[in-house]
Amino acid sequence: MQAFADIKTICKDAPNIKRRQEAIAWLDTPDFNMVCDYANINPVIVKEFALRLADASAKGVRLPSLETKGLDKAQSGVRLRIHTS
């Protein structure tokens, strides 16, 4: 959840920029895949959502919804709900 909060935050100060970059980079690590595995969710879908979140935040547009694209189920029967506020 911290990674999503860091990805969503757009601040111009160096510490926040670094945290955001680190959170985005974390999506490509084995640790990220392990966390998704433990949570029984598909890391590809979570990563896709996180990158859409990063893009939307950078553009100052509203948070993309998983449900609008039919991506509300990360894995059979498991609903993915991410609260970043």
C-alpha atoms as a PDB file:
ATOM      1  CA  MET A   1       0.000   0.000   0.000  1.00  0.00           C
ATOM      2  CA  GLN A   2       2.902   2.319   0.691  1.00  0.00           C
ATOM      3  CA  ALA A   3       4.166   1.828  -2.850  1.00  0.00           C
ATOM      4  CA  PHE A   4       0.792   2.914  -4.257  1.00  0.00           C
ATOM      5  CA  ALA A   5       0.744   5.979  -2.007  1.00  0.00           C
ATOM      6  CA  ASP A   6       4.276   6.884  -3.114  1.00  0.00           C
ATOM      7  CA  ILE A   7       3.424   6.319  -6.780  1.00  0.00           C
ATOM      8  CA  LYS A   8       0.334   8.500  -6.524  1.00  0.00           C
ATOM      9  CA  THR A   9       2.104  11.400  -4.828  1.00  0.00           C
ATOM     10  CA  ILE A  10       3.424  14.094  -7.124  1.00  0.00           C
ATOM     11  CA  CYS A  11       5.670  16.450  -5.177  1.00  0.00           C
ATOM     12  CA  LYS A  12       8.509  18.518  -6.450  1.00  0.00           C
ATOM     13  CA  ASP A  13      10.858  18.016  -3.499  1.00  0.00           C
ATOM     14  CA  ALA A  14      13.759  15.585  -3.871  1.00  0.00           C
ATOM     15  CA  PRO A  15      12.783  13.052  -1.143  1.00  0.00           C
ATOM     16  CA  ASN A  16       9.290  12.545  -2.587  1.00  0.00           C
ATOM     17  CA  ILE A  17      10.586  12.317  -6.146  1.00  0.00           C
ATOM     18  CA  LYS A  18      13.058   9.647  -5.025  1.00  0.00           C
ATOM     19  CA  ARG A  19      10.357   7.675  -3.127  1.00  0.00           C
ATOM     20  CA  ARG A  20       8.096   7.752  -6.194  1.00  0.00           C
ATOM     21  CA  GLN A  21      10.894   6.535  -8.478  1.00  0.00           C
ATOM     22  CA  GLU A  22      11.802   3.762  -6.022  1.00  0.00           C
ATOM     23  CA  ALA A  23       8.161   2.657  -5.747  1.00  0.00           C
ATOM     24  CA  ILE A  24       7.827   2.433  -9.526  1.00  0.00           C
ATOM     25  CA  ALA A  25      11.128   0.546  -9.788  1.00  0.00           C
ATOM     26  CA  TRP A  26       9.941  -1.886  -7.070  1.00  0.00           C
ATOM     27  CA  LEU A  27       7.271  -3.142  -9.492  1.00  0.00           C
ATOM     28  CA  ASP A  28      10.041  -4.898 -11.468  1.00  0.00           C
ATOM     29  CA  THR A  29      11.567  -6.752  -8.529  1.00  0.00           C
ATOM     30  CA  PRO A  30      11.198 -10.348  -7.342  1.00  0.00           C
ATOM     31  CA  ASP A  31       9.995  -8.921  -4.004  1.00  0.00           C
ATOM     32  CA  PHE A  32       6.970  -7.355  -5.715  1.00  0.00           C
ATOM     33  CA  ASN A  33       6.098 -10.692  -7.329  1.00  0.00           C
ATOM     34  CA  MET A  34       6.474 -12.466  -3.991  1.00  0.00           C
ATOM     35  CA  VAL A  35       4.148  -9.988  -2.244  1.00  0.00           C
ATOM     36  CA  CYS A  36       1.531 -10.495  -4.967  1.00  0.00           C
ATOM     37  CA  ASP A  37       1.959 -14.258  -4.702  1.00  0.00           C
ATOM     38  CA  TYR A  38       1.386 -14.168  -0.925  1.00  0.00           C
ATOM     39  CA  ALA A  39      -1.706 -12.016  -1.492  1.00  0.00           C
ATOM     40  CA  ASN A  40      -2.906 -14.431  -4.191  1.00  0.00           C
ATOM     41  CA  ILE A  41      -3.244 -11.680  -6.789  1.00  0.00           C
ATOM     42  CA  ASN A  42      -1.908 -11.429 -10.318  1.00  0.00           C
ATOM     43  CA  PRO A  43       1.230  -9.233 -10.326  1.00  0.00           C
ATOM     44  CA  VAL A  44       0.769  -8.321 -13.997  1.00  0.00           C
ATOM     45  CA  ILE A  45      -2.607  -6.727 -13.314  1.00  0.00           C
ATOM     46  CA  VAL A  46      -1.401  -4.980 -10.170  1.00  0.00           C
ATOM     47  CA  LYS A  47       1.647  -3.618 -11.995  1.00  0.00           C
ATOM     48  CA  GLU A  48      -0.528  -2.439 -14.893  1.00  0.00           C
ATOM     49  CA  PHE A  49      -2.802  -0.606 -12.462  1.00  0.00           C
ATOM     50  CA  ALA A  50       0.169   0.935 -10.623  1.00  0.00           C
ATOM     51  CA  LEU A  51       1.655   2.225 -13.864  1.00  0.00           C
ATOM     52  CA  ARG A  52      -1.712   3.647 -14.905  1.00  0.00           C
ATOM     53  CA  LEU A  53      -1.898   5.309 -11.481  1.00  0.00           C
ATOM     54  CA  ALA A  54       1.577   6.795 -11.943  1.00  0.00           C
ATOM     55  CA  ASP A  55       0.677   8.092 -15.392  1.00  0.00           C
ATOM     56  CA  ALA A  56      -2.637   9.568 -14.232  1.00  0.00           C
ATOM     57  CA  SER A  57      -1.024  11.235 -11.227  1.00  0.00           C
ATOM     58  CA  ALA A  58       1.732  12.729 -13.363  1.00  0.00           C
ATOM     59  CA  LYS A  59      -0.884  14.159 -15.732  1.00  0.00           C
ATOM     60  CA  GLY A  60      -3.084  15.386 -12.885  1.00  0.00           C
ATOM     61  CA  VAL A  61      -6.063  13.345 -14.027  1.00  0.00           C
ATOM     62  CA  ARG A  62      -8.457  11.256 -11.988  1.00  0.00           C
ATOM     63  CA  LEU A  63      -7.356   7.857 -10.712  1.00  0.00           C
ATOM     64  CA  PRO A  64      -8.118   5.142 -13.286  1.00  0.00           C
ATOM     65  CA  SER A  65     -10.687   2.602 -12.204  1.00  0.00           C
ATOM     66  CA  LEU A  66      -9.996  -1.107 -12.374  1.00  0.00           C
ATOM     67  CA  GLU A  67     -13.664  -1.833 -12.908  1.00  0.00           C
ATOM     68  CA  THR A  68     -14.018   0.272 -16.068  1.00  0.00           C
ATOM     69  CA  LYS A  69     -11.721  -2.032 -17.994  1.00  0.00           C
ATOM     70  CA  GLY A  70     -13.003  -5.278 -16.511  1.00  0.00           C
ATOM     71  CA  LEU A  71      -9.869  -5.596 -14.428  1.00  0.00           C
ATOM     72  CA  ASP A  72     -11.697  -5.810 -11.120  1.00  0.00           C
ATOM     73  CA  LYS A  73     -10.687  -9.433 -10.629  1.00  0.00           C
ATOM     74  CA  ALA A  74      -6.970  -9.937 -10.229  1.00  0.00           C
ATOM     75  CA  GLN A  75      -7.388 -13.677 -10.061  1.00  0.00           C
ATOM     76  CA  SER A  76     -10.429 -15.928 -10.158  1.00  0.00           C
ATOM     77  CA  GLY A  77     -12.829 -14.736  -7.494  1.00  0.00           C
ATOM     78  CA  VAL A  78     -10.395 -12.313  -5.861  1.00  0.00           C
ATOM     79  CA  ARG A  79     -11.391  -8.670  -6.032  1.00  0.00           C
ATOM     80  CA  LEU A  80      -8.563  -6.175  -6.117  1.00  0.00           C
ATOM     81  CA  ARG A  81      -9.345  -3.037  -4.197  1.00  0.00           C
ATOM     82  CA  ILE A  82      -6.648  -0.453  -3.741  1.00  0.00           C
ATOM     83  CA  HIS A  83      -7.281   2.536  -1.512  1.00  0.00           C
ATOM     84  CA  THR A  84      -4.636   5.214  -1.835  1.00  0.00           C
ATOM     85  CA  SER A  85      -6.239   8.167  -0.094  1.00  0.00           C
END
